[in-house]
Amino acid sequence: MSVLTFTVIGDPAPQGSKRHVGHGVMIESSKRVKPWREAVAAAAFKARNGQPPLDGPLVLTVTFYLPKPASLSRRVLEMGPFRKPDLDKLLRSLNDALETSGAVASDARIVRIVAEKRFTPITGHAGAEVKVEAVG
């Protein structure tokens, strides 16, 4: 297997800062991160279909579909989601889930990323379309 493609249904959540709760314990600042990472890991694990993790240099292509806020002007809808969540933080949670699922040997193997945020189509669901491809 040199290419892995899958769709994740769910609310993309950024992996932001952690906060210290005492005795050396750190927790995620956002409660939405855990369910999102679990959804990504489950979809990646299913798409893997028992194949070994992708290893070597990898290219990640991902489109995040974010829910449209209730009150946005037509101009903003046409421009797309240029506000929070940050794209780099969405990638951080996705990459960690790819590694947790065993889809990739390590997220450090990703040498190129093509990523974008879009609003969810009217008939679609929030989530992400993901493609991980071995290169070389």
C-alpha atoms as a PDB file:
ATOM      1  CA  MET A   1       0.000   0.000   0.000  1.00  0.00           C
ATOM      2  CA  SER A   2       1.550   3.300  -1.046  1.00  0.00           C
ATOM      3  CA  VAL A   3      -1.592   5.485  -0.935  1.00  0.00           C
ATOM      4  CA  LEU A   4      -4.200   5.758   1.789  1.00  0.00           C
ATOM      5  CA  THR A   5      -7.382   7.790   1.236  1.00  0.00           C
ATOM      6  CA  PHE A   6     -10.327   8.200   3.560  1.00  0.00           C
ATOM      7  CA  THR A   7     -13.064  10.559   4.687  1.00  0.00           C
ATOM      8  CA  VAL A   8     -13.653  11.575   8.290  1.00  0.00           C
ATOM      9  CA  ILE A   9     -17.095  12.728   9.411  1.00  0.00           C
ATOM     10  CA  GLY A  10     -17.065  14.985  12.452  1.00  0.00           C
ATOM     11  CA  ASP A  11     -16.269  18.461  13.647  1.00  0.00           C
ATOM     12  CA  PRO A  12     -12.577  19.174  12.891  1.00  0.00           C
ATOM     13  CA  ALA A  13     -10.948  20.282  16.116  1.00  0.00           C
ATOM     14  CA  PRO A  14      -7.614  22.022  16.508  1.00  0.00           C
ATOM     15  CA  GLN A  15      -5.009  20.605  18.826  1.00  0.00           C
ATOM     16  CA  GLY A  16      -3.954  23.694  20.674  1.00  0.00           C
ATOM     17  CA  SER A  17      -2.162  24.317  23.875  1.00  0.00           C
ATOM     18  CA  LYS A  18      -2.211  22.028  26.861  1.00  0.00           C
ATOM     19  CA  ARG A  19      -2.757  23.258  30.370  1.00  0.00           C
ATOM     20  CA  HIS A  20      -1.162  22.052  33.571  1.00  0.00           C
ATOM     21  CA  VAL A  21      -3.619  20.659  36.132  1.00  0.00           C
ATOM     22  CA  GLY A  22      -1.083  19.722  38.797  1.00  0.00           C
ATOM     23  CA  HIS A  23       1.338  16.933  39.677  1.00  0.00           C
ATOM     24  CA  GLY A  24       2.905  17.037  36.193  1.00  0.00           C
ATOM     25  CA  VAL A  25      -0.420  16.267  34.460  1.00  0.00           C
ATOM     26  CA  MET A  26      -1.220  18.152  31.242  1.00  0.00           C
ATOM     27  CA  ILE A  27      -4.608  18.113  29.495  1.00  0.00           C
ATOM     28  CA  GLU A  28      -5.875  19.464  26.178  1.00  0.00           C
ATOM     29  CA  SER A  29      -7.406  22.916  26.378  1.00  0.00           C
ATOM     30  CA  SER A  30     -10.226  21.930  23.990  1.00  0.00           C
ATOM     31  CA  LYS A  31     -12.714  19.180  24.834  1.00  0.00           C
ATOM     32  CA  ARG A  32     -13.399  18.740  21.085  1.00  0.00           C
ATOM     33  CA  VAL A  33      -9.914  17.414  20.269  1.00  0.00           C
ATOM     34  CA  LYS A  34     -10.331  13.910  21.698  1.00  0.00           C
ATOM     35  CA  PRO A  35     -13.516  12.977  19.754  1.00  0.00           C
ATOM     36  CA  TRP A  36     -12.027  14.422  16.538  1.00  0.00           C
ATOM     37  CA  ARG A  37      -8.758  12.505  16.913  1.00  0.00           C
ATOM     38  CA  GLU A  38     -10.718   9.333  17.671  1.00  0.00           C
ATOM     39  CA  ALA A  39     -12.825   9.818  14.512  1.00  0.00           C
ATOM     40  CA  VAL A  40      -9.698  10.360  12.392  1.00  0.00           C
ATOM     41  CA  ALA A  41      -7.943   7.352  13.914  1.00  0.00           C
ATOM     42  CA  ALA A  42     -10.981   5.111  13.346  1.00  0.00           C
ATOM     43  CA  ALA A  43     -11.365   6.184   9.699  1.00  0.00           C
ATOM     44  CA  ALA A  44      -7.629   5.773   9.027  1.00  0.00           C
ATOM     45  CA  PHE A  45      -7.533   2.371  10.742  1.00  0.00           C
ATOM     46  CA  LYS A  46     -10.490   1.160   8.657  1.00  0.00           C
ATOM     47  CA  ALA A  47      -8.937   2.471   5.425  1.00  0.00           C
ATOM     48  CA  ARG A  48      -5.653   0.723   6.264  1.00  0.00           C
ATOM     49  CA  ASN A  49      -7.474  -2.599   6.123  1.00  0.00           C
ATOM     50  CA  GLY A  50      -4.753  -4.452   8.020  1.00  0.00           C
ATOM     51  CA  GLN A  51      -1.898  -3.145   5.866  1.00  0.00           C
ATOM     52  CA  PRO A  52       1.355  -2.056   7.535  1.00  0.00           C
ATOM     53  CA  PRO A  53       1.852   1.645   8.282  1.00  0.00           C
ATOM     54  CA  LEU A  54       3.076   3.887   5.482  1.00  0.00           C
ATOM     55  CA  ASP A  55       6.753   4.592   5.987  1.00  0.00           C
ATOM     56  CA  GLY A  56       9.435   6.655   4.298  1.00  0.00           C
ATOM     57  CA  PRO A  57       8.799  10.143   2.920  1.00  0.00           C
ATOM     58  CA  LEU A  58       5.057  10.899   2.806  1.00  0.00           C
ATOM     59  CA  VAL A  59       2.853  13.558   1.233  1.00  0.00           C
ATOM     60  CA  LEU A  60      -0.333  14.532   3.082  1.00  0.00           C
ATOM     61  CA  THR A  61      -3.201  16.143   1.179  1.00  0.00           C
ATOM     62  CA  VAL A  62      -6.194  17.197   3.268  1.00  0.00           C
ATOM     63  CA  THR A  63      -9.303  19.332   2.949  1.00  0.00           C
ATOM     64  CA  PHE A  64     -11.041  20.236   6.189  1.00  0.00           C
ATOM     65  CA  TYR A  65     -14.768  20.951   5.921  1.00  0.00           C
ATOM     66  CA  LEU A  66     -15.918  23.307   8.658  1.00  0.00           C
ATOM     67  CA  PRO A  67     -19.548  24.061   9.554  1.00  0.00           C
ATOM     68  CA  LYS A  68     -20.812  27.390   8.282  1.00  0.00           C
ATOM     69  CA  PRO A  69     -21.577  29.881  11.030  1.00  0.00           C
ATOM     70  CA  ALA A  70     -25.216  30.970  11.099  1.00  0.00           C
ATOM     71  CA  SER A  71     -24.523  34.623  10.401  1.00  0.00           C
ATOM     72  CA  LEU A  72     -22.048  35.298   7.636  1.00  0.00           C
ATOM     73  CA  SER A  73     -22.222  37.696   4.745  1.00  0.00           C
ATOM     74  CA  ARG A  74     -22.303  36.334   1.209  1.00  0.00           C
ATOM     75  CA  ARG A  75     -18.835  37.799   0.611  1.00  0.00           C
ATOM     76  CA  VAL A  76     -17.354  35.911   3.574  1.00  0.00           C
ATOM     77  CA  LEU A  77     -19.022  32.683   2.459  1.00  0.00           C
ATOM     78  CA  GLU A  78     -17.413  33.077  -0.960  1.00  0.00           C
ATOM     79  CA  MET A  79     -13.987  33.774   0.551  1.00  0.00           C
ATOM     80  CA  GLY A  80     -14.096  30.727   2.795  1.00  0.00           C
ATOM     81  CA  PRO A  81     -13.205  30.090   6.443  1.00  0.00           C
ATOM     82  CA  PHE A  82     -10.312  32.454   7.071  1.00  0.00           C
ATOM     83  CA  ARG A  83     -10.864  32.595  10.834  1.00  0.00           C
ATOM     84  CA  LYS A  84     -10.314  30.108  13.639  1.00  0.00           C
ATOM     85  CA  PRO A  85      -9.563  27.266  13.869  1.00  0.00           C
ATOM     86  CA  ASP A  86      -5.982  27.669  12.693  1.00  0.00           C
ATOM     87  CA  LEU A  87      -5.029  25.352   9.851  1.00  0.00           C
ATOM     88  CA  ASP A  88      -1.744  24.378  11.503  1.00  0.00           C
ATOM     89  CA  LYS A  89      -3.548  23.317  14.686  1.00  0.00           C
ATOM     90  CA  LEU A  90      -6.058  21.257  12.667  1.00  0.00           C
ATOM     91  CA  LEU A  91      -3.094  19.541  11.023  1.00  0.00           C
ATOM     92  CA  ARG A  92      -1.491  18.843  14.383  1.00  0.00           C
ATOM     93  CA  SER A  93      -4.525  16.905  15.631  1.00  0.00           C
ATOM     94  CA  LEU A  94      -4.887  15.058  12.309  1.00  0.00           C
ATOM     95  CA  ASN A  95      -1.208  14.077  12.146  1.00  0.00           C
ATOM     96  CA  ASP A  96      -1.205  12.740  15.700  1.00  0.00           C
ATOM     97  CA  ALA A  97      -4.290  10.644  14.932  1.00  0.00           C
ATOM     98  CA  LEU A  98      -2.652   9.247  11.778  1.00  0.00           C
ATOM     99  CA  GLU A  99       0.224   8.016  13.910  1.00  0.00           C
ATOM    100  CA  THR A 100      -2.034   6.704  16.703  1.00  0.00           C
ATOM    101  CA  SER A 101      -4.088   4.698  14.180  1.00  0.00           C
ATOM    102  CA  GLY A 102      -1.004   3.047  12.732  1.00  0.00           C
ATOM    103  CA  ALA A 103      -1.694   4.555   9.299  1.00  0.00           C
ATOM    104  CA  VAL A 104       1.777   6.111   9.264  1.00  0.00           C
ATOM    105  CA  ALA A 105       4.909   4.890  11.023  1.00  0.00           C
ATOM    106  CA  SER A 106       5.446   8.409  12.375  1.00  0.00           C
ATOM    107  CA  ASP A 107       3.996  11.807  11.554  1.00  0.00           C
ATOM    108  CA  ALA A 108       7.632  12.931  11.286  1.00  0.00           C
ATOM    109  CA  ARG A 109       7.692  11.031   7.959  1.00  0.00           C
ATOM    110  CA  ILE A 110       5.441  13.677   6.381  1.00  0.00           C
ATOM    111  CA  VAL A 111       7.672  15.808   4.160  1.00  0.00           C
ATOM    112  CA  ARG A 112       5.015  17.763   2.275  1.00  0.00           C
ATOM    113  CA  ILE A 113       1.527  18.966   3.167  1.00  0.00           C
ATOM    114  CA  VAL A 114      -1.180  20.358   0.910  1.00  0.00           C
ATOM    115  CA  ALA A 115      -4.010  21.549   3.127  1.00  0.00           C
ATOM    116  CA  GLU A 116      -7.027  23.811   2.988  1.00  0.00           C
ATOM    117  CA  LYS A 117     -10.117  24.799   4.948  1.00  0.00           C
ATOM    118  CA  ARG A 118     -13.511  25.058   3.295  1.00  0.00           C
ATOM    119  CA  PHE A 119     -17.038  25.512   4.505  1.00  0.00           C
ATOM    120  CA  THR A 120     -19.153  22.379   4.489  1.00  0.00           C
ATOM    121  CA  PRO A 121     -21.226  22.037   1.306  1.00  0.00           C
ATOM    122  CA  ILE A 122     -24.973  22.462   1.817  1.00  0.00           C
ATOM    123  CA  THR A 123     -25.621  18.729   1.392  1.00  0.00           C
ATOM    124  CA  GLY A 124     -22.435  17.569   3.125  1.00  0.00           C
ATOM    125  CA  HIS A 125     -21.073  16.967   6.581  1.00  0.00           C
ATOM    126  CA  ALA A 126     -18.263  18.589   8.500  1.00  0.00           C
ATOM    127  CA  GLY A 127     -15.076  16.555   8.490  1.00  0.00           C
ATOM    128  CA  ALA A 128     -12.053  15.990   6.284  1.00  0.00           C
ATOM    129  CA  GLU A 129     -10.933  14.274   3.104  1.00  0.00           C
ATOM    130  CA  VAL A 130      -7.465  12.818   3.627  1.00  0.00           C
ATOM    131  CA  LYS A 131      -4.868  11.320   1.313  1.00  0.00           C
ATOM    132  CA  VAL A 132      -1.474  10.077   2.479  1.00  0.00           C
ATOM    133  CA  GLU A 133       0.930   8.979  -0.226  1.00  0.00           C
ATOM    134  CA  ALA A 134       4.410   7.450  -0.110  1.00  0.00           C
ATOM    135  CA  VAL A 135       6.889   9.193  -2.407  1.00  0.00           C
ATOM    136  CA  GLY A 136      10.195   8.061  -3.853  1.00  0.00           C
END
